[in-house]
């Protein structure tokens, strides 16, 4: 029995206990893949946001009840990082890892009021004896990166802050960890761009594949998706394979996955 690990859905990055930033991923592809793999007799670990497990598709597929499917609910990018790392430590390895999640690129670092930041910067400038424009800018940037005027976000932030501002910071790239964590697995990732040529999309996907030592990248264009064309260009480290999953006269994604990965 093959062991398959699938990630899916968006990540939710919290501003406070109530507000969050996320993206529009529904996790439907990961659910389709999990259902397909389970039906093919695979043992499946599904790492998805809790919003995905609450969808009708998850319920209709019976993934919660399927003895071959283990669902690991997560919320944040850090949660997904931890879940993937834990999976990599299991005694039994995975035959394939399909990283289909839309992991958020940014997470909130802290919040502040613009008026408080302006006051803190003004006070700093008055105290400085700096005339070099570049050095002054660097000093002010240091303050902005770690100011004293941070808002306490341990609980719900007031709904009446007209100048509330959120400082974002980059999340860690999970795809960069996969080869080290799952050295013997077939690794399949995803790349989404918008309104680009197919050649450009393929070049970016190939670079991603090489950089992270992946076996395949399924690359697609958001503009095509919006136009009812769920094409995914299958790319390896050598470039475009010539296979456009779900394309006219081409293999359906799930059929290809069942034949080659499951």
Protein backbone atom coordinates (compact mmCIF):
# COMPACT_ATOMS: atom_id res chain seq x y z
CA UNK A 1 0.00 0.00 0.00
CA UNK A 2 1.45 3.36 -1.05
CA UNK A 3 1.58 6.17 1.48
CA UNK A 4 0.60 9.58 0.12
CA UNK A 5 0.81 12.95 1.89
CA UNK A 6 -1.28 15.82 0.55
CA UNK A 7 -1.46 19.43 1.73
CA UNK A 8 -4.26 21.78 0.79
CA UNK A 9 -6.28 24.89 1.39
CA UNK A 10 -5.18 28.35 2.48
CA UNK A 11 -3.36 29.24 5.64
CA UNK A 12 -4.87 31.73 8.09
CA UNK A 13 -2.50 34.25 9.62
CA UNK A 14 -3.97 36.02 12.64
CA UNK A 15 -3.83 39.76 13.29
CA UNK A 16 -5.54 39.31 16.66
CA UNK A 17 -7.90 36.74 18.16
CA UNK A 18 -10.60 37.64 15.61
CA UNK A 19 -9.04 39.14 12.47
CA UNK A 20 -6.87 37.23 10.04
CA UNK A 21 -5.42 37.42 6.56
CA UNK A 22 -5.89 34.50 4.21
CA UNK A 23 -6.34 33.73 0.52
CA UNK A 24 -9.10 32.39 -1.69
CA UNK A 25 -7.98 28.76 -1.94
CA UNK A 26 -10.80 26.31 -1.25
CA UNK A 27 -8.68 23.18 -0.92
CA UNK A 28 -10.86 21.39 -3.48
CA UNK A 29 -7.89 20.00 -5.41
CA UNK A 30 -6.39 18.44 -2.29
CA UNK A 31 -9.73 16.82 -1.46
CA UNK A 32 -10.05 15.47 -5.00
CA UNK A 33 -6.55 14.05 -4.80
CA UNK A 34 -7.14 12.53 -1.36
CA UNK A 35 -10.34 10.85 -2.55
CA UNK A 36 -8.60 9.56 -5.67
CA UNK A 37 -5.65 8.21 -3.70
CA UNK A 38 -7.86 6.55 -1.11
CA UNK A 39 -9.98 4.94 -3.84
CA UNK A 40 -6.75 3.64 -5.39
CA UNK A 41 -5.97 1.84 -2.14
CA UNK A 42 -3.41 4.28 -0.77
CA UNK A 43 -2.89 5.30 2.82
CA UNK A 44 -3.42 9.06 2.82
CA UNK A 45 -2.38 11.81 5.21
CA UNK A 46 -4.27 15.01 4.44
CA UNK A 47 -2.94 18.23 5.98
CA UNK A 48 -5.53 20.97 5.42
CA UNK A 49 -7.01 24.06 7.00
CA UNK A 50 -10.02 23.48 9.22
CA UNK A 51 -12.15 25.50 6.79
CA UNK A 52 -11.49 22.80 4.18
CA UNK A 53 -12.71 20.02 6.47
CA UNK A 54 -15.93 21.98 6.90
CA UNK A 55 -16.79 21.97 3.18
CA UNK A 56 -19.54 19.90 1.61
CA UNK A 57 -16.96 18.22 -0.62
CA UNK A 58 -15.03 16.89 2.38
CA UNK A 59 -18.25 15.51 3.83
CA UNK A 60 -19.57 14.10 0.56
CA UNK A 61 -16.30 12.29 -0.07
CA UNK A 62 -16.51 10.63 3.33
CA UNK A 63 -12.86 11.42 4.04
CA UNK A 64 -13.48 11.73 7.79
CA UNK A 65 -14.84 8.19 7.91
CA UNK A 66 -12.39 6.61 5.45
CA UNK A 67 -10.04 4.31 7.43
CA UNK A 68 -7.28 4.94 4.88
CA UNK A 69 -7.37 8.73 5.35
CA UNK A 70 -5.88 10.61 8.29
CA UNK A 71 -6.80 14.28 8.35
CA UNK A 72 -4.50 16.71 10.17
CA UNK A 73 -6.30 20.07 10.59
CA UNK A 74 -4.11 23.17 10.71
CA UNK A 75 -4.59 26.93 10.57
CA UNK A 76 -1.36 28.84 10.09
CA UNK A 77 1.74 28.39 7.94
CA UNK A 78 3.62 27.50 11.11
CA UNK A 79 1.02 24.84 11.89
CA UNK A 80 1.53 23.34 8.43
CA UNK A 81 5.30 23.47 8.87
CA UNK A 82 5.00 21.60 12.17
CA UNK A 83 2.59 19.02 10.72
CA UNK A 84 4.85 18.30 7.75
CA UNK A 85 7.88 18.02 9.99
CA UNK A 86 6.05 15.61 12.28
CA UNK A 87 5.01 13.51 9.27
CA UNK A 88 8.62 13.34 8.13
CA UNK A 89 9.59 11.77 11.46
CA UNK A 90 7.17 8.85 11.13
CA UNK A 91 8.89 5.43 10.96
CA UNK A 92 7.18 4.61 7.66
CA UNK A 93 8.08 6.94 4.83
CA UNK A 94 5.86 8.41 2.13
CA UNK A 95 5.88 7.37 -1.50
CA UNK A 96 4.63 10.75 -2.73
CA UNK A 97 4.08 14.20 -1.25
CA UNK A 98 1.72 16.53 -3.11
CA UNK A 99 2.09 20.07 -1.79
CA UNK A 100 -1.09 21.66 -3.13
CA UNK A 101 -1.66 24.11 -0.27
CA UNK A 102 -1.82 27.84 -0.92
CA UNK A 103 0.47 28.81 1.94
CA UNK A 104 0.28 32.51 2.73
CA UNK A 105 3.36 34.48 1.73
CA UNK A 106 2.95 36.88 4.63
CA UNK A 107 1.97 36.79 8.28
CA UNK A 108 1.29 39.74 10.61
CA UNK A 109 4.30 40.72 12.71
CA UNK A 110 2.57 43.43 14.77
CA UNK A 111 0.01 46.23 14.53
CA UNK A 112 0.31 49.93 15.33
CA UNK A 113 -1.55 53.21 15.01
CA UNK A 114 -0.18 55.55 12.36
CA UNK A 115 -0.43 58.52 14.73
CA UNK A 116 1.66 56.65 17.34
CA UNK A 117 4.27 55.74 14.76
CA UNK A 118 4.42 59.33 13.50
CA UNK A 119 4.95 60.59 17.03
CA UNK A 120 7.67 58.03 17.73
CA UNK A 121 9.50 58.89 14.50
CA UNK A 122 9.20 62.63 15.06
CA UNK A 123 10.66 62.32 18.56
CA UNK A 124 13.52 60.21 17.20
CA UNK A 125 14.32 62.74 14.47
CA UNK A 126 14.42 65.60 16.98
CA UNK A 127 16.89 63.65 19.10
CA UNK A 128 19.15 62.76 16.18
CA UNK A 129 22.12 64.74 15.05
CA UNK A 130 22.07 63.06 11.65
CA UNK A 131 22.33 65.01 8.39
CA UNK A 132 23.11 62.19 5.95
CA UNK A 133 19.85 61.29 4.23
CA UNK A 134 20.72 57.61 3.75
CA UNK A 135 21.79 57.07 7.34
CA UNK A 136 18.72 58.92 8.62
CA UNK A 137 16.46 56.72 6.52
CA UNK A 138 18.18 53.60 7.85
CA UNK A 139 17.80 54.76 11.44
CA UNK A 140 14.10 55.48 10.96
CA UNK A 141 13.61 52.14 9.24
CA UNK A 142 15.14 50.39 12.25
CA UNK A 143 12.56 52.10 14.46
CA UNK A 144 9.68 51.19 12.12
CA UNK A 145 10.77 47.56 12.04
CA UNK A 146 10.61 47.29 15.83
CA UNK A 147 8.77 50.29 17.30
CA UNK A 148 7.71 50.89 20.87
CA UNK A 149 4.18 51.80 19.73
CA UNK A 150 2.96 48.28 19.00
CA UNK A 151 -0.70 47.56 19.76
CA UNK A 152 -1.39 44.66 22.12
CA UNK A 153 -2.92 41.98 19.88
CA UNK A 154 -3.28 39.25 22.51
CA UNK A 155 -7.03 39.87 22.42
CA UNK A 156 -9.44 41.57 20.02
CA UNK A 157 -8.22 44.94 18.78
CA UNK A 158 -10.71 47.80 19.03
CA UNK A 159 -13.10 48.21 16.08
CA UNK A 160 -12.71 52.00 16.20
CA UNK A 161 -9.11 52.54 15.14
CA UNK A 162 -9.15 54.72 11.98
CA UNK A 163 -5.39 54.43 11.41
CA UNK A 164 -4.67 50.87 12.48
CA UNK A 165 -1.81 49.45 10.42
CA UNK A 166 -0.46 45.92 10.16
CA UNK A 167 3.22 45.20 9.61
CA UNK A 168 3.63 41.98 7.63
CA UNK A 169 6.59 39.66 7.54
CA UNK A 170 7.42 36.76 5.23
CA UNK A 171 6.41 33.23 6.14
CA UNK A 172 8.97 30.48 5.68
CA UNK A 173 8.80 28.62 2.37
CA UNK A 174 7.59 25.13 3.19
CA UNK A 175 8.42 23.77 -0.26
CA UNK A 176 12.10 24.40 0.51
CA UNK A 177 11.96 21.86 3.34
CA UNK A 178 10.31 18.96 1.54
CA UNK A 179 13.30 17.24 -0.07
CA UNK A 180 15.21 17.24 3.20
CA UNK A 181 12.21 15.90 5.09
CA UNK A 182 11.08 13.36 2.48
CA UNK A 183 14.26 12.40 0.59
CA UNK A 184 12.84 9.26 -1.04
CA UNK A 185 9.37 10.51 -1.98
CA UNK A 186 8.12 11.76 -5.31
CA UNK A 187 7.58 15.46 -4.65
CA UNK A 188 4.88 17.37 -6.49
CA UNK A 189 4.34 21.09 -5.95
CA UNK A 190 2.16 23.82 -7.41
CA UNK A 191 2.77 27.28 -8.83
CA UNK A 192 0.07 29.85 -9.59
CA UNK A 193 0.67 33.02 -11.61
CA UNK A 194 -1.75 35.36 -13.36
CA UNK A 195 -1.95 36.75 -16.90
CA UNK A 196 1.41 35.46 -18.07
CA UNK A 197 2.45 33.58 -21.17
CA UNK A 198 2.70 29.82 -20.97
CA UNK A 199 6.44 30.06 -21.64
CA UNK A 200 6.90 32.42 -18.71
CA UNK A 201 4.78 30.24 -16.43
CA UNK A 202 6.82 27.18 -17.37
CA UNK A 203 10.15 28.99 -16.83
CA UNK A 204 9.12 30.11 -13.34
CA UNK A 205 7.85 26.62 -12.49
CA UNK A 206 11.08 25.03 -13.74
CA UNK A 207 13.17 27.39 -11.59
CA UNK A 208 11.01 26.52 -8.58
CA UNK A 209 11.45 22.82 -9.34
CA UNK A 210 15.23 23.11 -9.59
CA UNK A 211 15.63 25.38 -6.56
CA UNK A 212 13.70 23.03 -4.28
CA UNK A 213 14.74 19.72 -5.89
CA UNK A 214 11.14 18.79 -6.69
CA UNK A 215 10.13 16.09 -9.16
CA UNK A 216 7.13 17.91 -10.61
CA UNK A 217 5.46 21.30 -10.47
CA UNK A 218 1.85 21.70 -11.57
CA UNK A 219 1.76 25.25 -12.91
CA UNK A 220 -1.40 27.14 -13.71
CA UNK A 221 -2.62 30.63 -14.56
CA UNK A 222 -5.35 32.28 -12.50
CA UNK A 223 -6.69 34.00 -15.62
CA UNK A 224 -7.23 30.61 -17.26
CA UNK A 225 -8.96 29.28 -14.17
CA UNK A 226 -11.33 32.24 -14.18
CA UNK A 227 -12.14 31.48 -17.81
CA UNK A 228 -13.11 27.90 -16.99
CA UNK A 229 -9.81 26.36 -18.10
CA UNK A 230 -8.40 24.34 -15.18
CA UNK A 231 -5.18 23.58 -17.04
CA UNK A 232 -2.09 22.56 -15.09
CA UNK A 233 1.17 22.47 -17.02
CA UNK A 234 3.33 19.64 -15.72
CA UNK A 235 6.92 20.82 -15.33
CA UNK A 236 10.09 19.02 -14.22
CA UNK A 237 13.63 20.25 -13.65
CA UNK A 238 14.18 19.72 -17.39
CA UNK A 239 11.26 21.98 -18.31
CA UNK A 240 7.76 21.44 -19.67
CA UNK A 241 6.89 17.76 -20.07
CA UNK A 242 4.44 18.47 -22.87
CA UNK A 243 1.60 17.33 -20.61
CA UNK A 244 -1.15 19.83 -19.84
CA UNK A 245 -3.29 18.16 -17.21
CA UNK A 246 -7.00 18.78 -17.84
CA UNK A 247 -6.12 20.29 -21.22
CA UNK A 248 -7.86 19.43 -24.51
CA UNK A 249 -6.86 15.93 -25.57
CA UNK A 250 -4.62 15.64 -22.51
CA UNK A 251 -4.88 13.46 -19.39
CA UNK A 252 -7.18 14.52 -16.60
CA UNK A 253 -5.20 15.46 -13.51
CA UNK A 254 -6.75 12.77 -11.31
CA UNK A 255 -6.31 10.09 -13.97
CA UNK A 256 -2.65 11.01 -14.34
CA UNK A 257 -2.13 11.07 -10.57
CA UNK A 258 -3.76 7.67 -10.17
CA UNK A 259 -1.61 6.11 -12.90
CA UNK A 260 1.73 7.71 -12.02
CA UNK A 261 1.68 8.76 -8.35
CA UNK A 262 -0.87 6.52 -6.64
